[in-house]
Structures are given as structure tokens and as C-alpha cells.
Amino acid sequence: MLKTFKIGGIHPEENKLSAGSALKQFQLPADIKEVKIPVAQHIGAPAQPVVAVGDDVKVGQVIAQAGGFVSANIHSPFSGKVKKIEATTGDDGKPAMMITIAIEGDEWVETIDRSTGIKREITLSAEEIVKKIGEMGIVGMGGARFPAQVKLAVKPGQAQALIINGVECEPYLTADHRLMLEKSEEVLIGIKILMKAIGVTEAYIGIENNKKDAIELLTKLSAGYPGIKVQPLKMKYPQGGEKQLIDACIGRQVASGALPISVGAVVQNVGTAFAVYEAVQKNKPLIERVVCVTGKPLQNPSNFWARIGTPVKALIEAAGGMPEDCAKVIGGGPMMGRAFATLDVPIHKGSSGILLMNNQESKRGEIANCIRCAKCVSVCPMGLEPFLLSKVSAKQLWDMAEENHIADCIECGSCSFTCPSNRPLLDYIRRGKSTVMGIMRARAAAAKAAAEAAEAKKN
């Protein structure tokens, strides 16, 4: 039976142009002599470099350690010599700290198991699994980049179900689809590892019905993995959102401001499950991922296995090169992705796709006055009022924005997509959300400091 989430949602054109393109191992062109590795490839505190200029590094070696509880280790995807450690232009045009490595050969850390055989037996305990995942720098691979070990740090009995996100509801993107088809056994073993880590006996793989081949294959194979169930879903965007996927798969609604664990669920992406398999069973850190390079103007939309640090430009060239009518290049999909400020940047752990758009697709319609149609309200999957949040953000009415739950916005873009007046609703809401969340964090920090001071005064 096909399920879906209950509140809002839209149906954009799929444009899965690269769905039939098998995974290709990307080889860095010989003329690229150095790569840049960002130290902030995750949500939370940036990792702190543990190498110095002039150091030799191997593939898989830790080059930056997690900078806090919510952080992740960074490993070198290439071997060579550390050339620079400095802030340089990131994909958003802002300065970002990166470690530049001059490539020399391809020497790997000896502890990584590079054999091609599938390792099925899970020998580590739950605690050892979580520790290993943290050591290997695994983060959410669906784009959110939340450190995986933090999500798995649940109390005994707190989680009842693991939900695996195989939805890939963003138009154009096909990285997860191809991974489910070509690395299905490894994904299933990764799911069993995650189930053991959080102590649950049930796992659901949510897959939208436009991926019938993946549904059929994983349904067949999961019969050999007790507790794992494939849940076919109706096509509706943004079903890949955590709260929407939980609702679709197990019918539980996460309250405003609450986390998935509040309803007994832990959500991980299929790419994360595969990375967990490689980390736990092969001792391999997160140094490469599948990147979908796609778009209507592109000659050869493709899915590549590419190492972290691979230049965006090089992947575009491998997919046919930059078309003449390309007007915009986006990191991610058209709904939640963001345009690159420059293509002289590397891919990172959250780089699920590179989308090229032509002039016609990328051009925004002329902005008109709001006609009070409430379409943005009807499609919001979080039950918010986008027209209001946009307005109060534009006017910098931060208290009102917080009162109307702007922090709950998942930035899916459904409101802007459906607006007949072409109003940039999400643009304003993103700015407002960022500001409000900064205010909320500052308030929480001040309250914590005051409580600690009061406690110290008592003692």
C-alpha cells in the first residue's frame, strides 16, 4: 500500500534524467595537481586541523579532528603533501577554511580494507559501532550533513524504529536511486548495523514509487534481513524531510520544535547507511560519495563515485562540459539547492548533486503583489504561514517570526514554487530563520550562563 505524509506537499516535474546512468568511478584528470578539503563539511563546529604545512598524508588519514560534540572528523581523500591551510572562497562565495593537498601517488592507510567482497557478520557492539562511526567522520548524506554519531547517541529503549530515507524527492537527483540499485546488499548491512547501534528490531526503507526497480530489488533482498521492511510511498515533495518521512512510514507526527526521537524514530539516509557499512565493516572513513551531475543543457547526465575534494568543474567536464546555454549551476537539487558563487570549489560530504540549468529554467518570473490566495499555506508541509513569515522577516519583526514558528521551516521551497505572484517567499524566510535561530541560541547561552553563575554563587 502506498503511503505519504498528511500535511501539504507539491508535485514538481521529476526530470530524473540520469536515473539510467550506472555509477562511474571518477578519475581525477592528470592536470589537476592539488585539491582543497574543507574542514567544515558538517553541521556544527568546524573540525580542527591536525596536520601542518609540509606534512605527508595518506588516503584515509585524519587531517582535522571534530571540534566539539556536534562535529565530525575529516580524512584525506588523496595522498600527498599538505601545501596550505588557509581560508579560501567556498561554494557560497564566503571564506571557508580548507586544507590544500598537493597530490602525490595514491597511498592508502593500511588499516582500510580495500577488498571487494561483502562482509556480512557484524562483530562490534552497539557502543563500538557508534564510536567507530564518529571516528570515521560519517555525516548525513542526504544534504543535511548532521554528524551521524550524534543522532545515534540515544538512551536504551528511547528508539523504537529506524527509518531509512530512500525517497530522493528532489527533482533531477538520482544518486540515492543508483546506490540502492548497485550497492543494495551493503546498504542493507549498513541498516542492520544502525539497528544494532540504537537497539531497535524494526527498520523501514521509504522509497517513492517512481523508483519501482529499487523497491522491487530491496523488497526481494530484505527478506533475508529480519526486521527490515521496504515501504513504497506516493510521490510527493518534500517527502524526504525527516518529519514528513516519519509521518509517511509510521504515521507519527513530530511536534513543533521537537526531534524525531521524541516519537521513537531515528532517520538516516541510504547513503549514510552505505557509509556506515564501509566504516564499520571495512574501516573506511567517509572520503568519497556518489554525486549526480545533471541538467537539461548537459550532454551526458551522470552519477559519479567521486572523492571528497574533487573540483566541481572537473565533474561537469566529465559529464560533457559546460553548455553554452547554461545560466546557473546549483549545488543540490532545484528546490533546496543553492547556486554556486564559483565553480572553483570542491565537493564535500553533502554534495548529492550538481545541477546545470539553462536560461529558461533559471529565470525567475516577474514579482507581483500577493493576491491572498493562501496556496503557500496549503502546500507548506510544516503547517506554517509562509506569506506571513516572509513579510515579518522582510520587516525584521523577529519576535513575531519566532512566535509563528519560523524555526520549524525546513526550507523546502514549496511556498515559492506554488506562488502565482512569483514572490521570493523562501528567500526572506531563510534570512529570517537564520536571524531568529541566532537570537534563540544567544538567549539559551545567556540562560545557561546565568544558571551556572547562580549555582556557583550558592556553592
Protein backbone atom coordinates (compact mmCIF):
# COMPACT_ATOMS: atom_id res chain seq x y z
CA MET A 1 0.00 0.00 0.00
CA LEU A 2 1.36 3.42 -0.96
CA LYS A 3 1.55 5.94 1.87
CA THR A 4 2.51 9.59 2.13
CA PHE A 5 2.60 12.43 4.66
CA LYS A 6 -0.59 14.24 5.60
CA ILE A 7 0.15 17.97 5.56
CA GLY A 8 0.88 19.99 2.41
CA GLY A 9 3.26 18.98 -0.36
CA ILE A 10 3.62 19.62 -4.09
CA HIS A 11 4.32 17.68 -7.29
CA PRO A 12 7.13 19.28 -9.29
CA GLU A 13 8.29 17.76 -12.58
CA GLU A 14 10.64 14.83 -11.83
CA ASN A 15 13.32 15.31 -14.52
CA LYS A 16 15.27 12.23 -13.38
CA LEU A 17 17.50 12.48 -16.45
CA SER A 18 20.34 10.40 -15.00
CA ALA A 19 18.25 7.60 -13.47
CA GLY A 20 19.51 5.10 -16.03
CA SER A 21 23.16 6.12 -15.74
CA ALA A 22 25.16 3.48 -13.84
CA LEU A 23 27.69 4.62 -11.24
CA LYS A 24 31.05 5.56 -12.73
CA GLN A 25 34.31 5.76 -10.80
CA PHE A 26 35.59 9.28 -11.38
CA GLN A 27 39.30 9.59 -12.06
CA LEU A 28 40.87 12.94 -11.33
CA PRO A 29 42.41 14.38 -14.54
CA ALA A 30 46.21 14.34 -14.63
CA ASP A 31 46.39 18.13 -14.98
CA ILE A 32 44.82 18.62 -11.52
CA LYS A 33 47.80 18.62 -9.19
CA GLU A 34 46.18 19.72 -5.93
CA VAL A 35 42.83 19.56 -4.14
CA LYS A 36 41.18 21.55 -1.37
CA ILE A 37 39.50 19.81 1.56
CA PRO A 38 37.05 21.92 3.65
CA VAL A 39 37.27 21.46 7.43
CA ALA A 40 33.55 22.29 7.84
CA GLN A 41 31.71 19.58 5.90
CA HIS A 42 29.00 19.12 8.50
CA ILE A 43 26.52 20.95 10.70
CA GLY A 44 28.12 22.08 13.95
CA ALA A 45 31.62 23.14 14.94
CA PRO A 46 34.27 23.02 12.19
CA ALA A 47 36.92 20.34 12.56
CA GLN A 48 40.34 21.46 13.76
CA PRO A 49 43.35 20.71 11.50
CA VAL A 50 45.83 18.21 13.00
CA VAL A 51 48.34 18.41 10.15
CA ALA A 52 50.80 21.15 9.27
CA VAL A 53 52.09 22.58 6.00
CA GLY A 54 54.72 20.21 4.64
CA ASP A 55 53.26 17.06 6.23
CA ASP A 56 52.84 13.94 4.10
CA VAL A 57 49.36 12.39 4.23
CA LYS A 58 47.82 9.14 3.04
CA VAL A 59 44.32 8.39 1.77
CA GLY A 60 42.10 7.88 4.82
CA GLN A 61 44.36 9.69 7.30
CA VAL A 62 42.74 12.09 9.77
CA ILE A 63 43.68 15.64 8.79
CA ALA A 64 41.17 17.50 11.02
CA GLN A 65 39.54 16.34 14.23
CA ALA A 66 35.98 17.05 15.37
CA GLY A 67 35.82 20.45 17.03
CA GLY A 68 33.09 19.58 19.52
CA PHE A 69 30.24 17.17 20.32
CA VAL A 70 28.32 18.20 17.18
CA SER A 71 31.20 17.95 14.71
CA ALA A 72 32.93 15.37 12.53
CA ASN A 73 36.43 14.19 11.71
CA ILE A 74 37.84 14.97 8.27
CA HIS A 75 40.06 12.43 6.48
CA SER A 76 42.28 12.94 3.49
CA PRO A 77 40.74 11.60 0.26
CA PHE A 78 44.10 11.83 -1.53
CA SER A 79 47.73 11.14 -0.71
CA GLY A 80 50.41 13.77 -1.00
CA LYS A 81 51.80 16.76 0.87
CA VAL A 82 49.92 19.44 2.78
CA LYS A 83 50.54 22.64 0.85
CA LYS A 84 48.31 25.21 2.56
CA ILE A 85 45.92 25.56 5.49
CA GLU A 86 44.02 28.77 4.95
CA ALA A 87 40.65 30.37 4.32
CA THR A 88 39.68 30.45 0.68
CA THR A 89 36.46 31.04 -1.27
CA GLY A 90 33.75 28.48 -0.56
CA ASP A 91 30.81 27.47 -2.75
CA ASP A 92 28.68 30.24 -1.24
CA GLY A 93 31.30 32.88 -2.05
CA LYS A 94 32.28 33.32 1.62
CA PRO A 95 35.70 32.47 3.09
CA ALA A 96 36.00 28.84 4.23
CA MET A 97 38.95 27.16 5.92
CA MET A 98 40.45 24.46 3.70
CA ILE A 99 43.45 22.15 3.69
CA THR A 100 45.18 22.11 0.30
CA ILE A 101 46.93 18.84 -0.61
CA ALA A 102 49.44 18.54 -3.45
CA ILE A 103 48.67 15.10 -4.91
CA GLU A 104 51.47 12.53 -4.95
CA GLY A 105 50.53 8.96 -5.91
CA ASP A 106 47.67 7.09 -4.25
CA GLU A 107 48.92 5.63 -0.97
CA TRP A 108 46.22 4.46 1.43
CA VAL A 109 46.20 3.98 5.21
CA GLU A 110 46.99 0.29 5.76
CA THR A 111 44.05 -0.36 8.11
CA ILE A 112 41.42 0.25 5.40
CA ASP A 113 40.03 -2.97 3.92
CA ARG A 114 40.01 -2.37 0.17
CA SER A 115 38.78 -5.83 -0.80
CA THR A 116 35.64 -6.04 -2.94
CA GLY A 117 33.95 -8.87 -1.05
CA ILE A 118 30.87 -8.12 1.06
CA LYS A 119 31.39 -8.54 4.81
CA ARG A 120 28.10 -9.54 6.43
CA GLU A 121 28.97 -10.52 10.00
CA ILE A 122 28.62 -7.60 12.44
CA THR A 123 31.10 -8.14 15.27
CA LEU A 124 31.15 -4.75 17.02
CA SER A 125 28.91 -3.92 20.00
CA ALA A 126 26.43 -1.03 19.86
CA GLU A 127 28.82 1.26 21.72
CA GLU A 128 31.72 0.28 19.48
CA ILE A 129 29.61 0.94 16.36
CA VAL A 130 28.73 4.49 17.45
CA LYS A 131 32.36 5.17 18.35
CA LYS A 132 33.59 3.82 15.00
CA ILE A 133 31.06 5.92 13.07
CA GLY A 134 32.32 9.01 14.91
CA GLU A 135 35.94 8.14 14.21
CA MET A 136 35.24 7.64 10.50
CA GLY A 137 33.59 11.06 10.12
CA ILE A 138 30.20 9.82 8.93
CA VAL A 139 27.54 12.52 8.46
CA GLY A 140 24.05 12.65 7.00
CA MET A 141 24.46 12.11 3.26
CA GLY A 142 21.10 13.48 2.17
CA GLY A 143 22.36 17.04 2.32
CA ALA A 144 21.82 17.96 5.98
CA ARG A 145 25.30 16.72 6.97
CA PHE A 146 24.40 16.16 10.63
CA PRO A 147 27.13 14.11 12.38
CA ALA A 148 25.77 10.55 12.41
CA GLN A 149 27.19 9.55 15.80
CA VAL A 150 25.21 12.33 17.48
CA LYS A 151 21.91 11.05 16.06
CA LEU A 152 22.77 7.55 17.26
CA ALA A 153 23.52 8.66 20.83
CA VAL A 154 20.10 7.61 22.16
CA LYS A 155 19.19 6.20 25.55
CA PRO A 156 18.30 2.47 25.81
CA GLY A 157 14.67 1.95 24.82
CA GLN A 158 14.29 5.52 23.55
CA ALA A 159 14.15 4.49 19.87
CA GLN A 160 11.51 2.12 18.51
CA ALA A 161 12.17 2.32 14.78
CA LEU A 162 14.90 3.19 12.32
CA ILE A 163 13.67 4.93 9.17
CA ILE A 164 15.89 4.95 6.10
CA ASN A 165 15.41 7.77 3.61
CA GLY A 166 15.49 6.39 0.08
CA VAL A 167 12.95 8.95 -1.16
CA GLU A 168 15.20 11.33 -3.11
CA CYS A 169 12.21 13.56 -3.82
CA GLU A 170 14.27 16.47 -5.19
CA PRO A 171 13.77 16.78 -8.97
CA TYR A 172 16.74 15.71 -11.10
CA LEU A 173 18.79 13.97 -8.36
CA THR A 174 19.43 10.22 -8.75
CA ALA A 175 22.45 9.46 -6.53
CA ASP A 176 20.45 7.55 -3.90
CA HIS A 177 18.48 5.68 -6.55
CA ARG A 178 21.61 4.33 -8.21
CA LEU A 179 23.17 3.50 -4.83
CA MET A 180 20.13 1.40 -3.87
CA LEU A 181 20.34 -0.47 -7.17
CA GLU A 182 24.09 -1.07 -7.27
CA LYS A 183 25.05 -1.32 -3.58
CA SER A 184 21.87 -2.85 -2.20
CA GLU A 185 23.47 -5.58 -0.05
CA GLU A 186 25.89 -3.12 1.52
CA VAL A 187 23.03 -0.71 2.25
CA LEU A 188 21.03 -3.47 3.95
CA ILE A 189 24.00 -4.50 6.10
CA GLY A 190 24.53 -0.84 6.97
CA ILE A 191 20.89 -0.71 8.09
CA LYS A 192 21.41 -3.76 10.33
CA ILE A 193 24.45 -2.03 11.84
CA LEU A 194 22.39 1.10 12.54
CA MET A 195 19.60 -1.02 14.05
CA LYS A 196 22.11 -2.63 16.40
CA ALA A 197 23.59 0.75 17.32
CA ILE A 198 20.26 2.19 18.53
CA GLY A 199 18.78 -1.10 19.79
CA VAL A 200 15.73 -1.49 17.54
CA THR A 201 14.25 -4.50 15.78
CA GLU A 202 12.31 -2.62 13.11
CA ALA A 203 13.54 -0.57 10.17
CA TYR A 204 11.60 0.98 7.28
CA ILE A 205 13.12 1.96 3.95
CA GLY A 206 10.93 4.69 2.48
CA ILE A 207 11.13 4.78 -1.33
CA GLU A 208 8.90 6.77 -3.66
CA ASN A 209 7.01 4.87 -6.33
CA ASN A 210 8.98 6.37 -9.22
CA LYS A 211 11.81 4.01 -8.24
CA LYS A 212 9.99 0.74 -8.80
CA ASP A 213 13.20 -1.13 -9.66
CA ALA A 214 14.75 -0.17 -6.31
CA ILE A 215 11.54 -1.08 -4.46
CA GLU A 216 11.44 -4.49 -6.16
CA LEU A 217 15.12 -5.27 -5.60
CA LEU A 218 15.29 -4.20 -1.96
CA THR A 219 11.98 -5.90 -1.15
CA LYS A 220 13.40 -9.15 -2.50
CA LEU A 221 16.75 -8.84 -0.74
CA SER A 222 15.34 -7.57 2.57
CA ALA A 223 13.57 -10.91 3.02
CA GLY A 224 16.95 -12.16 4.21
CA TYR A 225 17.25 -9.35 6.78
CA PRO A 226 14.66 -9.79 9.57
CA GLY A 227 13.07 -6.57 10.74
CA ILE A 228 13.77 -4.55 7.59
CA LYS A 229 10.70 -3.55 5.58
CA VAL A 230 10.54 -1.61 2.31
CA GLN A 231 7.76 0.98 2.41
CA PRO A 232 6.66 2.17 -1.06
CA LEU A 233 5.46 5.78 -0.96
CA LYS A 234 3.32 8.00 -3.14
CA MET A 235 5.30 10.64 -4.95
CA LYS A 236 5.05 13.96 -3.14
CA TYR A 237 7.64 16.61 -2.37
CA PRO A 238 9.19 17.13 0.24
CA GLN A 239 8.73 13.55 1.43
CA GLY A 240 12.45 13.30 2.14
CA GLY A 241 12.12 15.69 5.09
CA GLU A 242 12.59 13.83 8.38
CA LYS A 243 9.24 14.74 9.87
CA GLN A 244 7.40 14.08 6.61
CA LEU A 245 9.07 10.68 6.17
CA ILE A 246 8.27 9.63 9.73
CA ASP A 247 4.63 10.56 9.15
CA ALA A 248 4.56 8.66 5.84
CA CYS A 249 6.24 5.49 7.13
CA ILE A 250 4.89 5.03 10.66
CA GLY A 251 2.12 7.63 10.95
CA ARG A 252 3.65 9.60 13.82
CA GLN A 253 3.80 13.42 13.88
CA VAL A 254 6.78 15.20 15.43
CA ALA A 255 5.69 18.26 17.42
CA SER A 256 6.91 21.79 16.75
CA GLY A 257 10.47 22.20 17.98
CA ALA A 258 10.83 18.51 18.80
CA LEU A 259 13.26 15.96 17.36
CA PRO A 260 12.37 12.65 15.64
CA ILE A 261 13.49 10.70 18.71
CA SER A 262 10.54 12.26 20.59
CA VAL A 263 8.29 9.84 18.67
CA GLY A 264 10.77 6.97 18.92
CA ALA A 265 12.28 7.37 15.44
CA VAL A 266 15.82 7.76 14.14
CA VAL A 267 16.14 8.76 10.47
CA GLN A 268 19.19 8.14 8.27
CA ASN A 269 19.75 8.43 4.52
CA VAL A 270 20.55 5.37 2.36
CA GLY A 271 23.89 6.97 1.52
CA THR A 272 24.61 7.21 5.24
CA ALA A 273 23.72 3.52 5.64
CA PHE A 274 26.23 2.63 2.93
CA ALA A 275 28.90 4.86 4.52
CA VAL A 276 28.22 3.17 7.87
CA TYR A 277 28.74 -0.24 6.25
CA GLU A 278 32.11 0.85 4.88
CA ALA A 279 33.13 2.46 8.18
CA VAL A 280 32.22 -0.45 10.44
CA GLN A 281 32.90 -3.43 8.15
CA LYS A 282 35.82 -2.05 6.09
CA ASN A 283 37.30 0.56 8.46
CA LYS A 284 36.92 3.10 5.66
CA PRO A 285 36.29 6.76 6.52
CA LEU A 286 33.96 8.99 4.53
CA ILE A 287 36.31 10.09 1.75
CA GLU A 288 34.10 9.58 -1.32
CA ARG A 289 30.44 9.63 -2.28
CA VAL A 290 28.02 9.42 -5.20
CA VAL A 291 27.47 12.76 -6.94
CA CYS A 292 24.74 13.21 -9.55
CA VAL A 293 25.77 15.67 -12.29
CA THR A 294 22.66 16.51 -14.27
CA GLY A 295 20.54 19.10 -16.07
CA LYS A 296 18.68 19.61 -19.33
CA PRO A 297 21.52 21.50 -21.06
CA LEU A 298 24.07 18.84 -20.10
CA GLN A 299 25.31 16.45 -22.77
CA ASN A 300 25.69 13.35 -20.56
CA PRO A 301 23.90 13.43 -17.18
CA SER A 302 25.81 11.01 -14.95
CA ASN A 303 26.26 9.53 -11.49
CA PHE A 304 29.86 9.50 -10.30
CA TRP A 305 31.76 7.94 -7.44
CA ALA A 306 33.96 10.89 -6.58
CA ARG A 307 36.38 11.59 -3.78
CA ILE A 308 35.73 14.50 -1.43
CA GLY A 309 37.73 17.46 -2.67
CA THR A 310 37.14 16.74 -6.36
CA PRO A 311 36.63 20.10 -8.12
CA VAL A 312 33.07 20.82 -9.27
CA LYS A 313 34.47 21.94 -12.64
CA ALA A 314 36.10 18.55 -13.21
CA LEU A 315 32.84 16.66 -12.66
CA ILE A 316 30.98 18.95 -15.07
CA GLU A 317 33.66 18.32 -17.69
CA ALA A 318 33.30 14.55 -17.20
CA ALA A 319 29.54 14.86 -17.87
CA GLY A 320 30.05 16.61 -21.19
CA GLY A 321 31.36 20.03 -20.24
CA MET A 322 29.75 23.38 -19.61
CA PRO A 323 26.94 24.01 -22.17
CA GLU A 324 26.71 27.38 -23.88
CA ASP A 325 23.17 27.99 -22.66
CA CYS A 326 23.93 27.21 -19.01
CA ALA A 327 22.78 30.12 -16.86
CA LYS A 328 23.11 28.69 -13.37
CA VAL A 329 24.89 25.83 -11.58
CA ILE A 330 23.33 24.63 -8.34
CA GLY A 331 24.75 22.51 -5.55
CA GLY A 332 21.96 20.01 -4.83
CA GLY A 333 18.50 19.99 -6.40
CA PRO A 334 16.39 22.86 -7.78
CA MET A 335 14.14 23.10 -4.72
CA MET A 336 16.58 23.22 -1.79
CA GLY A 337 19.93 23.58 -3.54
CA ARG A 338 21.87 26.82 -3.75
CA ALA A 339 23.66 28.37 -6.70
CA PHE A 340 27.44 28.15 -6.69
CA ALA A 341 29.19 31.51 -6.39
CA THR A 342 32.15 29.94 -8.18
CA LEU A 343 32.90 26.55 -9.74
CA ASP A 344 36.47 26.57 -8.43
CA VAL A 345 35.34 24.74 -5.32
CA PRO A 346 35.50 21.11 -4.15
CA ILE A 347 32.65 18.72 -3.48
CA HIS A 348 32.08 17.83 0.17
CA LYS A 349 30.33 15.13 2.21
CA GLY A 350 26.90 16.62 1.50
CA SER A 351 27.33 17.08 -2.27
CA SER A 352 24.47 14.92 -3.55
CA GLY A 353 24.24 16.68 -6.89
CA ILE A 354 25.42 19.34 -9.30
CA LEU A 355 22.57 20.75 -11.39
CA LEU A 356 23.02 22.83 -14.53
CA MET A 357 20.08 24.99 -15.57
CA ASN A 358 19.53 26.83 -18.85
CA ASN A 359 18.32 30.41 -19.24
CA GLN A 360 14.66 29.47 -19.46
CA GLU A 361 14.67 27.29 -16.33
CA SER A 362 16.72 29.60 -14.17
CA LYS A 363 14.85 32.81 -14.93
CA ARG A 364 12.50 33.91 -12.17
CA GLY A 365 9.08 35.23 -13.06
CA GLU A 366 8.25 38.89 -12.52
CA ILE A 367 7.27 39.53 -8.91
CA ALA A 368 3.71 40.72 -8.38
CA ASN A 369 1.65 41.65 -5.33
CA CYS A 370 0.37 38.91 -3.04
CA ILE A 371 -3.23 38.08 -4.01
CA ARG A 372 -4.05 36.38 -0.66
CA CYS A 373 -4.76 33.06 -2.36
CA ALA A 374 -3.23 31.06 0.53
CA LYS A 375 -1.68 28.50 -1.82
CA CYS A 376 1.59 28.80 0.10
CA VAL A 377 -0.25 27.88 3.30
CA SER A 378 -1.97 24.87 1.75
CA VAL A 379 1.28 23.35 0.45
CA CYS A 380 3.52 24.03 3.48
CA PRO A 381 4.44 20.60 4.89
CA MET A 382 5.04 22.12 8.33
CA GLY A 383 1.64 23.80 8.56
CA LEU A 384 3.15 27.30 8.61
CA GLU A 385 2.02 30.58 7.03
CA PRO A 386 4.79 31.40 4.55
CA PHE A 387 3.25 34.68 3.37
CA LEU A 388 3.29 35.95 6.97
CA LEU A 389 6.78 34.67 7.78
CA SER A 390 8.11 36.27 4.62
CA LYS A 391 6.51 39.60 5.46
CA VAL A 392 7.68 39.75 9.10
CA SER A 393 11.19 38.69 8.02
CA ALA A 394 11.32 41.49 5.45
CA LYS A 395 10.25 43.94 8.16
CA GLN A 396 12.67 42.42 10.70
CA LEU A 397 9.91 41.66 13.20
CA TRP A 398 11.89 38.87 14.85
CA ASP A 399 9.62 38.31 17.87
CA MET A 400 6.64 37.80 15.59
CA ALA A 401 8.65 35.48 13.35
CA GLU A 402 9.61 33.34 16.34
CA GLU A 403 6.04 33.30 17.68
CA ASN A 404 4.87 31.98 14.30
CA HIS A 405 7.39 29.13 14.38
CA ILE A 406 9.81 30.28 11.68
CA ALA A 407 12.39 27.90 13.17
CA ASP A 408 10.18 24.98 12.06
CA CYS A 409 10.62 25.87 8.37
CA ILE A 410 12.54 23.12 6.56
CA GLU A 411 13.34 25.46 3.64
CA CYS A 412 11.79 23.08 1.09
CA GLY A 413 10.70 25.88 -1.25
CA SER A 414 7.16 24.56 -1.74
CA CYS A 415 5.75 28.01 -0.96
CA SER A 416 7.81 29.82 -3.58
CA PHE A 417 7.13 27.06 -6.12
CA THR A 418 3.38 27.39 -5.84
CA CYS A 419 3.10 31.20 -5.51
CA PRO A 420 1.21 32.60 -8.55
CA SER A 421 2.74 36.04 -7.88
CA ASN A 422 6.31 34.70 -8.06
CA ARG A 423 7.12 36.15 -4.67
CA PRO A 424 10.53 35.11 -3.24
CA LEU A 425 8.95 33.77 -0.06
CA LEU A 426 11.71 31.35 0.83
CA ASP A 427 14.46 33.94 0.30
CA TYR A 428 13.01 36.16 3.02
CA ILE A 429 12.13 33.23 5.29
CA ARG A 430 15.67 31.85 5.11
CA ARG A 431 17.09 35.19 6.22
CA GLY A 432 14.53 35.48 8.98
CA LYS A 433 15.06 31.92 10.19
CA SER A 434 18.81 32.40 10.36
CA THR A 435 18.44 35.56 12.41
CA VAL A 436 15.79 34.14 14.76
CA MET A 437 17.75 30.97 15.40
CA GLY A 438 20.79 33.09 16.22
CA ILE A 439 18.69 35.03 18.74
CA MET A 440 17.38 31.78 20.23
CA ARG A 441 20.89 30.35 20.59
CA ALA A 442 22.16 33.54 22.22
CA ARG A 443 19.22 33.53 24.65
CA ALA A 444 19.83 29.88 25.55
CA ALA A 445 23.54 30.52 26.10
CA ALA A 446 22.77 33.52 28.33
CA ALA A 447 20.27 31.48 30.36
CA LYS A 448 22.81 28.69 30.79
CA ALA A 449 25.48 31.13 31.89
CA ALA A 450 23.10 32.74 34.39
CA ALA A 451 22.13 29.37 35.82
CA GLU A 452 25.78 28.36 36.19
CA ALA A 453 26.57 31.67 37.88
CA ALA A 454 23.67 31.23 40.30
CA GLU A 455 24.79 27.69 41.09
CA ALA A 456 28.35 28.86 41.68
CA LYS A 457 27.09 31.60 43.99
CA LYS A 458 25.21 29.02 46.08
CA ASN A 459 28.33 26.94 46.46
